[in-house]
Amino acid sequence: MHNVQLASSAVRDLDKICEPDLSRLQSHILSLEHNPRPQGSLKLKDAIHRVRVGDWRILYAIDDKQQTVIILRVLRRSERTYKGI
């Protein structure tokens, strides 16, 4: 079981999201605690992964040695979603 942590950028992203999307995203974030590589997740670069939740993307890093998942960003899919990764 992994420990899920939110980066400050992810907290800011989640603060801007309204219901019902927020509830769906939160449940997916919590599910990463039990399975950090769910079906449909995609490895982007090094230890950075993404999972789709409707029009939203959860970008996160996995540290298997520390048993930690760090949520980096929660963004709506657009042309700029993956820039700077």
PDB file of N, CA and C in Angstrom:
ATOM      1  N   MET A   1       0.843  -1.173   0.000  1.00  0.00           N
ATOM      2  CA  MET A   1       0.000   0.000   0.000  1.00  0.00           C
ATOM      3  C   MET A   1       0.893   1.243   0.000  1.00  0.00           C
ATOM      4  N   HIS A   2       0.564   2.202  -0.859  1.00  0.00           N
ATOM      5  CA  HIS A   2       1.341   3.426  -1.012  1.00  0.00           C
ATOM      6  C   HIS A   2       0.691   4.565  -0.232  1.00  0.00           C
ATOM      7  N   ASN A   3       1.527   5.495   0.177  1.00  0.00           N
ATOM      8  CA  ASN A   3       1.066   6.714   0.823  1.00  0.00           C
ATOM      9  C   ASN A   3       0.844   7.766  -0.269  1.00  0.00           C
ATOM     10  N   VAL A   4      -0.333   8.375  -0.325  1.00  0.00           N
ATOM     11  CA  VAL A   4      -0.646   9.383  -1.343  1.00  0.00           C
ATOM     12  C   VAL A   4      -0.454  10.766  -0.741  1.00  0.00           C
ATOM     13  N   GLN A   5       0.347  11.590  -1.432  1.00  0.00           N
ATOM     14  CA  GLN A   5       0.595  12.960  -1.001  1.00  0.00           C
ATOM     15  C   GLN A   5       0.229  13.902  -2.129  1.00  0.00           C
ATOM     16  N   LEU A   6      -0.215  15.097  -1.765  1.00  0.00           N
ATOM     17  CA  LEU A   6      -0.566  16.108  -2.755  1.00  0.00           C
ATOM     18  C   LEU A   6       0.487  17.208  -2.764  1.00  0.00           C
ATOM     19  N   ALA A   7       1.017  17.507  -3.942  1.00  0.00           N
ATOM     20  CA  ALA A   7       1.908  18.653  -4.085  1.00  0.00           C
ATOM     21  C   ALA A   7       1.063  19.918  -3.976  1.00  0.00           C
ATOM     22  N   SER A   8       1.682  21.029  -3.637  1.00  0.00           N
ATOM     23  CA  SER A   8       0.937  22.282  -3.477  1.00  0.00           C
ATOM     24  C   SER A   8       0.246  22.688  -4.778  1.00  0.00           C
ATOM     25  N   SER A   9       0.859  22.378  -5.913  1.00  0.00           N
ATOM     26  CA  SER A   9       0.239  22.694  -7.204  1.00  0.00           C
ATOM     27  C   SER A   9      -1.039  21.881  -7.405  1.00  0.00           C
ATOM     28  N   ALA A  10      -1.051  20.635  -6.947  1.00  0.00           N
ATOM     29  CA  ALA A  10      -2.247  19.791  -7.064  1.00  0.00           C
ATOM     30  C   ALA A  10      -3.354  20.297  -6.145  1.00  0.00           C
ATOM     31  N   VAL A  11      -2.992  20.769  -4.963  1.00  0.00           N
ATOM     32  CA  VAL A  11      -3.993  21.325  -4.043  1.00  0.00           C
ATOM     33  C   VAL A  11      -4.648  22.550  -4.671  1.00  0.00           C
ATOM     34  N   ARG A  12      -3.847  23.410  -5.293  1.00  0.00           N
ATOM     35  CA  ARG A  12      -4.399  24.594  -5.972  1.00  0.00           C
ATOM     36  C   ARG A  12      -5.320  24.183  -7.118  1.00  0.00           C
ATOM     37  N   ASP A  13      -4.906  23.155  -7.870  1.00  0.00           N
ATOM     38  CA  ASP A  13      -5.737  22.667  -8.978  1.00  0.00           C
ATOM     39  C   ASP A  13      -7.078  22.157  -8.462  1.00  0.00           C
ATOM     40  N   LEU A  14      -7.063  21.362  -7.402  1.00  0.00           N
ATOM     41  CA  LEU A  14      -8.298  20.784  -6.857  1.00  0.00           C
ATOM     42  C   LEU A  14      -9.214  21.852  -6.270  1.00  0.00           C
ATOM     43  N   ASP A  15      -8.643  22.922  -5.717  1.00  0.00           N
ATOM     44  CA  ASP A  15      -9.457  24.005  -5.150  1.00  0.00           C
ATOM     45  C   ASP A  15     -10.311  24.702  -6.208  1.00  0.00           C
ATOM     46  N   LYS A  16      -9.892  24.638  -7.464  1.00  0.00           N
ATOM     47  CA  LYS A  16     -10.606  25.315  -8.555  1.00  0.00           C
ATOM     48  C   LYS A  16     -11.676  24.450  -9.207  1.00  0.00           C
ATOM     49  N   ILE A  17     -11.752  23.176  -8.831  1.00  0.00           N
ATOM     50  CA  ILE A  17     -12.666  22.232  -9.493  1.00  0.00           C
ATOM     51  C   ILE A  17     -13.961  22.121  -8.705  1.00  0.00           C
ATOM     52  N   CYS A  18     -15.092  22.157  -9.418  1.00  0.00           N
ATOM     53  CA  CYS A  18     -16.419  22.076  -8.790  1.00  0.00           C
ATOM     54  C   CYS A  18     -16.944  20.639  -8.839  1.00  0.00           C
ATOM     55  N   GLU A  19     -17.970  20.406  -8.054  1.00  0.00           N
ATOM     56  CA  GLU A  19     -18.662  19.108  -8.057  1.00  0.00           C
ATOM     57  C   GLU A  19     -19.399  18.960  -9.383  1.00  0.00           C
ATOM     58  N   PRO A  20     -19.662  17.795  -9.891  1.00  0.00           N
ATOM     59  CA  PRO A  20     -19.355  16.457  -9.388  1.00  0.00           C
ATOM     60  C   PRO A  20     -17.964  15.970  -9.780  1.00  0.00           C
ATOM     61  N   ASP A  21     -17.256  16.777 -10.598  1.00  0.00           N
ATOM     62  CA  ASP A  21     -15.915  16.363 -11.032  1.00  0.00           C
ATOM     63  C   ASP A  21     -14.974  16.177  -9.852  1.00  0.00           C
ATOM     64  N   LEU A  22     -15.074  17.043  -8.861  1.00  0.00           N
ATOM     65  CA  LEU A  22     -14.183  16.973  -7.709  1.00  0.00           C
ATOM     66  C   LEU A  22     -14.310  15.632  -6.981  1.00  0.00           C
ATOM     67  N   SER A  23     -15.516  15.166  -6.780  1.00  0.00           N
ATOM     68  CA  SER A  23     -15.730  13.879  -6.092  1.00  0.00           C
ATOM     69  C   SER A  23     -15.116  12.722  -6.876  1.00  0.00           C
ATOM     70  N   ARG A  24     -15.309  12.728  -8.180  1.00  0.00           N
ATOM     71  CA  ARG A  24     -14.748  11.665  -9.019  1.00  0.00           C
ATOM     72  C   ARG A  24     -13.227  11.676  -8.969  1.00  0.00           C
ATOM     73  N   LEU A  25     -12.642  12.869  -9.031  1.00  0.00           N
ATOM     74  CA  LEU A  25     -11.185  12.977  -8.991  1.00  0.00           C
ATOM     75  C   LEU A  25     -10.632  12.533  -7.643  1.00  0.00           C
ATOM     76  N   GLN A  26     -11.290  12.934  -6.570  1.00  0.00           N
ATOM     77  CA  GLN A  26     -10.823  12.547  -5.242  1.00  0.00           C
ATOM     78  C   GLN A  26     -10.866  11.038  -5.049  1.00  0.00           C
ATOM     79  N   SER A  27     -11.912  10.397  -5.544  1.00  0.00           N
ATOM     80  CA  SER A  27     -11.986   8.938  -5.395  1.00  0.00           C
ATOM     81  C   SER A  27     -10.885   8.247  -6.202  1.00  0.00           C
ATOM     82  N   HIS A  28     -10.554   8.777  -7.386  1.00  0.00           N
ATOM     83  CA  HIS A  28      -9.472   8.194  -8.177  1.00  0.00           C
ATOM     84  C   HIS A  28      -8.125   8.412  -7.499  1.00  0.00           C
ATOM     85  N   ILE A  29      -7.935   9.584  -6.898  1.00  0.00           N
ATOM     86  CA  ILE A  29      -6.689   9.865  -6.195  1.00  0.00           C
ATOM     87  C   ILE A  29      -6.526   8.900  -5.019  1.00  0.00           C
ATOM     88  N   LEU A  30      -7.583   8.690  -4.270  1.00  0.00           N
ATOM     89  CA  LEU A  30      -7.514   7.766  -3.134  1.00  0.00           C
ATOM     90  C   LEU A  30      -7.278   6.325  -3.576  1.00  0.00           C
ATOM     91  N   SER A  31      -7.788   5.944  -4.737  1.00  0.00           N
ATOM     92  CA  SER A  31      -7.597   4.580  -5.220  1.00  0.00           C
ATOM     93  C   SER A  31      -6.141   4.309  -5.597  1.00  0.00           C
ATOM     94  N   LEU A  32      -5.368   5.363  -5.863  1.00  0.00           N
ATOM     95  CA  LEU A  32      -3.951   5.182  -6.186  1.00  0.00           C
ATOM     96  C   LEU A  32      -3.172   4.660  -4.984  1.00  0.00           C
ATOM     97  N   GLU A  33      -3.735   4.802  -3.798  1.00  0.00           N
ATOM     98  CA  GLU A  33      -3.109   4.280  -2.582  1.00  0.00           C
ATOM     99  C   GLU A  33      -2.964   2.758  -2.663  1.00  0.00           C
ATOM    100  N   HIS A  34      -3.973   2.095  -3.205  1.00  0.00           N
ATOM    101  CA  HIS A  34      -3.970   0.636  -3.297  1.00  0.00           C
ATOM    102  C   HIS A  34      -3.369   0.127  -4.596  1.00  0.00           C
ATOM    103  N   ASN A  35      -3.517   0.896  -5.677  1.00  0.00           N
ATOM    104  CA  ASN A  35      -3.017   0.478  -6.981  1.00  0.00           C
ATOM    105  C   ASN A  35      -2.473   1.703  -7.719  1.00  0.00           C
ATOM    106  N   PRO A  36      -1.172   2.012  -7.587  1.00  0.00           N
ATOM    107  CA  PRO A  36      -0.619   3.200  -8.228  1.00  0.00           C
ATOM    108  C   PRO A  36      -0.481   3.091  -9.753  1.00  0.00           C
ATOM    109  N   ARG A  37      -0.687   1.900 -10.265  1.00  0.00           N
ATOM    110  CA  ARG A  37      -0.620   1.701 -11.723  1.00  0.00           C
ATOM    111  C   ARG A  37      -1.912   1.037 -12.203  1.00  0.00           C
ATOM    112  N   PRO A  38      -3.042   1.765 -12.123  1.00  0.00           N
ATOM    113  CA  PRO A  38      -4.316   1.150 -12.520  1.00  0.00           C
ATOM    114  C   PRO A  38      -4.383   0.943 -14.024  1.00  0.00           C
ATOM    115  N   GLN A  39      -5.322   0.122 -14.430  1.00  0.00           N
ATOM    116  CA  GLN A  39      -5.528  -0.103 -15.855  1.00  0.00           C
ATOM    117  C   GLN A  39      -5.869   1.236 -16.499  1.00  0.00           C
ATOM    118  N   GLY A  40      -5.234   1.542 -17.614  1.00  0.00           N
ATOM    119  CA  GLY A  40      -5.463   2.797 -18.311  1.00  0.00           C
ATOM    120  C   GLY A  40      -4.468   3.879 -17.956  1.00  0.00           C
ATOM    121  N   SER A  41      -3.627   3.642 -16.934  1.00  0.00           N
ATOM    122  CA  SER A  41      -2.609   4.638 -16.608  1.00  0.00           C
ATOM    123  C   SER A  41      -1.508   4.572 -17.662  1.00  0.00           C
ATOM    124  N   LEU A  42      -0.806   5.673 -17.817  1.00  0.00           N
ATOM    125  CA  LEU A  42       0.232   5.754 -18.835  1.00  0.00           C
ATOM    126  C   LEU A  42       1.480   6.356 -18.220  1.00  0.00           C
ATOM    127  N   LYS A  43       2.605   5.712 -18.438  1.00  0.00           N
ATOM    128  CA  LYS A  43       3.880   6.251 -17.971  1.00  0.00           C
ATOM    129  C   LYS A  43       4.331   7.295 -18.976  1.00  0.00           C
ATOM    130  N   LEU A  44       4.567   8.519 -18.510  1.00  0.00           N
ATOM    131  CA  LEU A  44       4.940   9.608 -19.408  1.00  0.00           C
ATOM    132  C   LEU A  44       6.453   9.776 -19.496  1.00  0.00           C
ATOM    133  N   LYS A  45       7.091   9.918 -18.334  1.00  0.00           N
ATOM    134  CA  LYS A  45       8.518  10.204 -18.319  1.00  0.00           C
ATOM    135  C   LYS A  45       9.072   9.786 -16.965  1.00  0.00           C
ATOM    136  N   ASP A  46      10.158   9.057 -16.970  1.00  0.00           N
ATOM    137  CA  ASP A  46      10.786   8.567 -15.735  1.00  0.00           C
ATOM    138  C   ASP A  46       9.740   7.939 -14.830  1.00  0.00           C
ATOM    139  N   ALA A  47       9.475   8.531 -13.679  1.00  0.00           N
ATOM    140  CA  ALA A  47       8.512   7.965 -12.725  1.00  0.00           C
ATOM    141  C   ALA A  47       7.179   8.701 -12.770  1.00  0.00           C
ATOM    142  N   ILE A  48       6.967   9.535 -13.788  1.00  0.00           N
ATOM    143  CA  ILE A  48       5.732  10.318 -13.886  1.00  0.00           C
ATOM    144  C   ILE A  48       4.698   9.549 -14.702  1.00  0.00           C
ATOM    145  N   HIS A  49       3.500   9.448 -14.144  1.00  0.00           N
ATOM    146  CA  HIS A  49       2.391   8.740 -14.776  1.00  0.00           C
ATOM    147  C   HIS A  49       1.199   9.670 -14.896  1.00  0.00           C
ATOM    148  N   ARG A  50       0.232   9.246 -15.689  1.00  0.00           N
ATOM    149  CA  ARG A  50      -1.029   9.976 -15.753  1.00  0.00           C
ATOM    150  C   ARG A  50      -2.171   8.989 -15.829  1.00  0.00           C
ATOM    151  N   VAL A  51      -3.293   9.410 -15.266  1.00  0.00           N
ATOM    152  CA  VAL A  51      -4.503   8.611 -15.347  1.00  0.00           C
ATOM    153  C   VAL A  51      -5.621   9.549 -15.807  1.00  0.00           C
ATOM    154  N   ARG A  52      -6.486   9.038 -16.667  1.00  0.00           N
ATOM    155  CA  ARG A  52      -7.609   9.814 -17.199  1.00  0.00           C
ATOM    156  C   ARG A  52      -8.828   9.634 -16.316  1.00  0.00           C
ATOM    157  N   VAL A  53      -9.520  10.739 -16.059  1.00  0.00           N
ATOM    158  CA  VAL A  53     -10.801  10.730 -15.352  1.00  0.00           C
ATOM    159  C   VAL A  53     -11.706  11.658 -16.147  1.00  0.00           C
ATOM    160  N   GLY A  54     -12.380  11.108 -17.140  1.00  0.00           N
ATOM    161  CA  GLY A  54     -13.203  11.933 -18.020  1.00  0.00           C
ATOM    162  C   GLY A  54     -12.322  12.892 -18.796  1.00  0.00           C
ATOM    163  N   ASP A  55     -12.629  14.201 -18.704  1.00  0.00           N
ATOM    164  CA  ASP A  55     -11.833  15.226 -19.383  1.00  0.00           C
ATOM    165  C   ASP A  55     -10.628  15.656 -18.555  1.00  0.00           C
ATOM    166  N   TRP A  56     -10.454  15.075 -17.388  1.00  0.00           N
ATOM    167  CA  TRP A  56      -9.396  15.472 -16.473  1.00  0.00           C
ATOM    168  C   TRP A  56      -8.235  14.492 -16.528  1.00  0.00           C
ATOM    169  N   ARG A  57      -7.042  14.998 -16.201  1.00  0.00           N
ATOM    170  CA  ARG A  57      -5.846  14.176 -16.132  1.00  0.00           C
ATOM    171  C   ARG A  57      -5.202  14.379 -14.769  1.00  0.00           C
ATOM    172  N   ILE A  58      -4.872  13.273 -14.117  1.00  0.00           N
ATOM    173  CA  ILE A  58      -4.146  13.317 -12.853  1.00  0.00           C
ATOM    174  C   ILE A  58      -2.710  12.925 -13.171  1.00  0.00           C
ATOM    175  N   LEU A  59      -1.779  13.842 -12.948  1.00  0.00           N
ATOM    176  CA  LEU A  59      -0.364  13.599 -13.182  1.00  0.00           C
ATOM    177  C   LEU A  59       0.298  13.320 -11.839  1.00  0.00           C
ATOM    178  N   TYR A  60       1.022  12.226 -11.752  1.00  0.00           N
ATOM    179  CA  TYR A  60       1.597  11.846 -10.464  1.00  0.00           C
ATOM    180  C   TYR A  60       2.916  11.107 -10.645  1.00  0.00           C
ATOM    181  N   ALA A  61       3.705  11.095  -9.575  1.00  0.00           N
ATOM    182  CA  ALA A  61       4.979  10.393  -9.558  1.00  0.00           C
ATOM    183  C   ALA A  61       4.889   9.252  -8.554  1.00  0.00           C
ATOM    184  N   ILE A  62       5.540   8.148  -8.879  1.00  0.00           N
ATOM    185  CA  ILE A  62       5.552   6.975  -8.005  1.00  0.00           C
ATOM    186  C   ILE A  62       6.974   6.742  -7.520  1.00  0.00           C
ATOM    187  N   ASP A  63       7.119   6.615  -6.215  1.00  0.00           N
ATOM    188  CA  ASP A  63       8.395   6.242  -5.608  1.00  0.00           C
ATOM    189  C   ASP A  63       8.178   4.905  -4.898  1.00  0.00           C
ATOM    190  N   ASP A  64       8.558   3.821  -5.569  1.00  0.00           N
ATOM    191  CA  ASP A  64       8.317   2.486  -5.020  1.00  0.00           C
ATOM    192  C   ASP A  64       9.171   2.194  -3.791  1.00  0.00           C
ATOM    193  N   LYS A  65      10.359   2.765  -3.712  1.00  0.00           N
ATOM    194  CA  LYS A  65      11.217   2.537  -2.546  1.00  0.00           C
ATOM    195  C   LYS A  65      10.592   3.122  -1.283  1.00  0.00           C
ATOM    196  N   GLN A  66      10.021   4.308  -1.400  1.00  0.00           N
ATOM    197  CA  GLN A  66       9.386   4.974  -0.260  1.00  0.00           C
ATOM    198  C   GLN A  66       7.903   4.622  -0.136  1.00  0.00           C
ATOM    199  N   GLN A  67       7.378   3.846  -1.095  1.00  0.00           N
ATOM    200  CA  GLN A  67       5.956   3.475  -1.111  1.00  0.00           C
ATOM    201  C   GLN A  67       5.086   4.738  -1.103  1.00  0.00           C
ATOM    202  N   THR A  68       5.409   5.691  -2.013  1.00  0.00           N
ATOM    203  CA  THR A  68       4.735   6.977  -2.048  1.00  0.00           C
ATOM    204  C   THR A  68       4.249   7.292  -3.458  1.00  0.00           C
ATOM    205  N   VAL A  69       3.058   7.877  -3.529  1.00  0.00           N
ATOM    206  CA  VAL A  69       2.519   8.434  -4.766  1.00  0.00           C
ATOM    207  C   VAL A  69       2.329   9.927  -4.512  1.00  0.00           C
ATOM    208  N   ILE A  70       2.959  10.763  -5.335  1.00  0.00           N
ATOM    209  CA  ILE A  70       2.846  12.207  -5.181  1.00  0.00           C
ATOM    210  C   ILE A  70       2.035  12.748  -6.342  1.00  0.00           C
ATOM    211  N   ILE A  71       0.869  13.317  -6.026  1.00  0.00           N
ATOM    212  CA  ILE A  71       0.013  13.918  -7.043  1.00  0.00           C
ATOM    213  C   ILE A  71       0.617  15.272  -7.396  1.00  0.00           C
ATOM    214  N   LEU A  72       1.041  15.435  -8.646  1.00  0.00           N
ATOM    215  CA  LEU A  72       1.711  16.655  -9.074  1.00  0.00           C
ATOM    216  C   LEU A  72       0.732  17.707  -9.575  1.00  0.00           C
ATOM    217  N   ARG A  73      -0.170  17.293 -10.447  1.00  0.00           N
ATOM    218  CA  ARG A  73      -1.145  18.223 -11.034  1.00  0.00           C
ATOM    219  C   ARG A  73      -2.447  17.483 -11.311  1.00  0.00           C
ATOM    220  N   VAL A  74      -3.539  18.238 -11.346  1.00  0.00           N
ATOM    221  CA  VAL A  74      -4.851  17.740 -11.763  1.00  0.00           C
ATOM    222  C   VAL A  74      -5.369  18.767 -12.750  1.00  0.00           C
ATOM    223  N   LEU A  75      -5.356  18.411 -14.035  1.00  0.00           N
ATOM    224  CA  LEU A  75      -5.650  19.375 -15.093  1.00  0.00           C
ATOM    225  C   LEU A  75      -6.706  18.857 -16.058  1.00  0.00           C
ATOM    226  N   ARG A  76      -7.473  19.801 -16.619  1.00  0.00           N
ATOM    227  CA  ARG A  76      -8.397  19.449 -17.698  1.00  0.00           C
ATOM    228  C   ARG A  76      -7.563  19.253 -18.957  1.00  0.00           C
ATOM    229  N   ARG A  77      -7.886  18.259 -19.740  1.00  0.00           N
ATOM    230  CA  ARG A  77      -7.133  17.938 -20.953  1.00  0.00           C
ATOM    231  C   ARG A  77      -7.200  19.093 -21.934  1.00  0.00           C
ATOM    232  N   SER A  78      -6.033  19.543 -22.366  1.00  0.00           N
ATOM    233  CA  SER A  78      -5.910  20.580 -23.389  1.00  0.00           C
ATOM    234  C   SER A  78      -4.563  20.405 -24.079  1.00  0.00           C
ATOM    235  N   GLU A  79      -4.248  21.308 -24.982  1.00  0.00           N
ATOM    236  CA  GLU A  79      -2.969  21.230 -25.684  1.00  0.00           C
ATOM    237  C   GLU A  79      -1.800  21.495 -24.742  1.00  0.00           C
ATOM    238  N   ARG A  80      -2.030  22.223 -23.648  1.00  0.00           N
ATOM    239  CA  ARG A  80      -0.970  22.589 -22.720  1.00  0.00           C
ATOM    240  C   ARG A  80      -0.813  21.631 -21.540  1.00  0.00           C
ATOM    241  N   THR A  81      -1.656  20.625 -21.445  1.00  0.00           N
ATOM    242  CA  THR A  81      -1.655  19.744 -20.278  1.00  0.00           C
ATOM    243  C   THR A  81      -0.298  19.114 -20.010  1.00  0.00           C
ATOM    244  N   TYR A  82       0.382  18.642 -21.033  1.00  0.00           N
ATOM    245  CA  TYR A  82       1.607  17.886 -20.833  1.00  0.00           C
ATOM    246  C   TYR A  82       2.872  18.705 -21.075  1.00  0.00           C
ATOM    247  N   LYS A  83       2.754  20.011 -21.328  1.00  0.00           N
ATOM    248  CA  LYS A  83       3.942  20.844 -21.550  1.00  0.00           C
ATOM    249  C   LYS A  83       4.680  21.032 -20.233  1.00  0.00           C
ATOM    250  N   GLY A  84       5.971  20.942 -20.286  1.00  0.00           N
ATOM    251  CA  GLY A  84       6.808  21.164 -19.113  1.00  0.00           C
ATOM    252  C   GLY A  84       7.012  19.930 -18.253  1.00  0.00           C
ATOM    253  N   ILE A  85       6.589  18.785 -18.735  1.00  0.00           N
ATOM    254  CA  ILE A  85       6.777  17.560 -17.958  1.00  0.00           C
ATOM    255  C   ILE A  85       8.098  16.942 -18.311  1.00  0.00           C
TER     256      ILE A  85
END
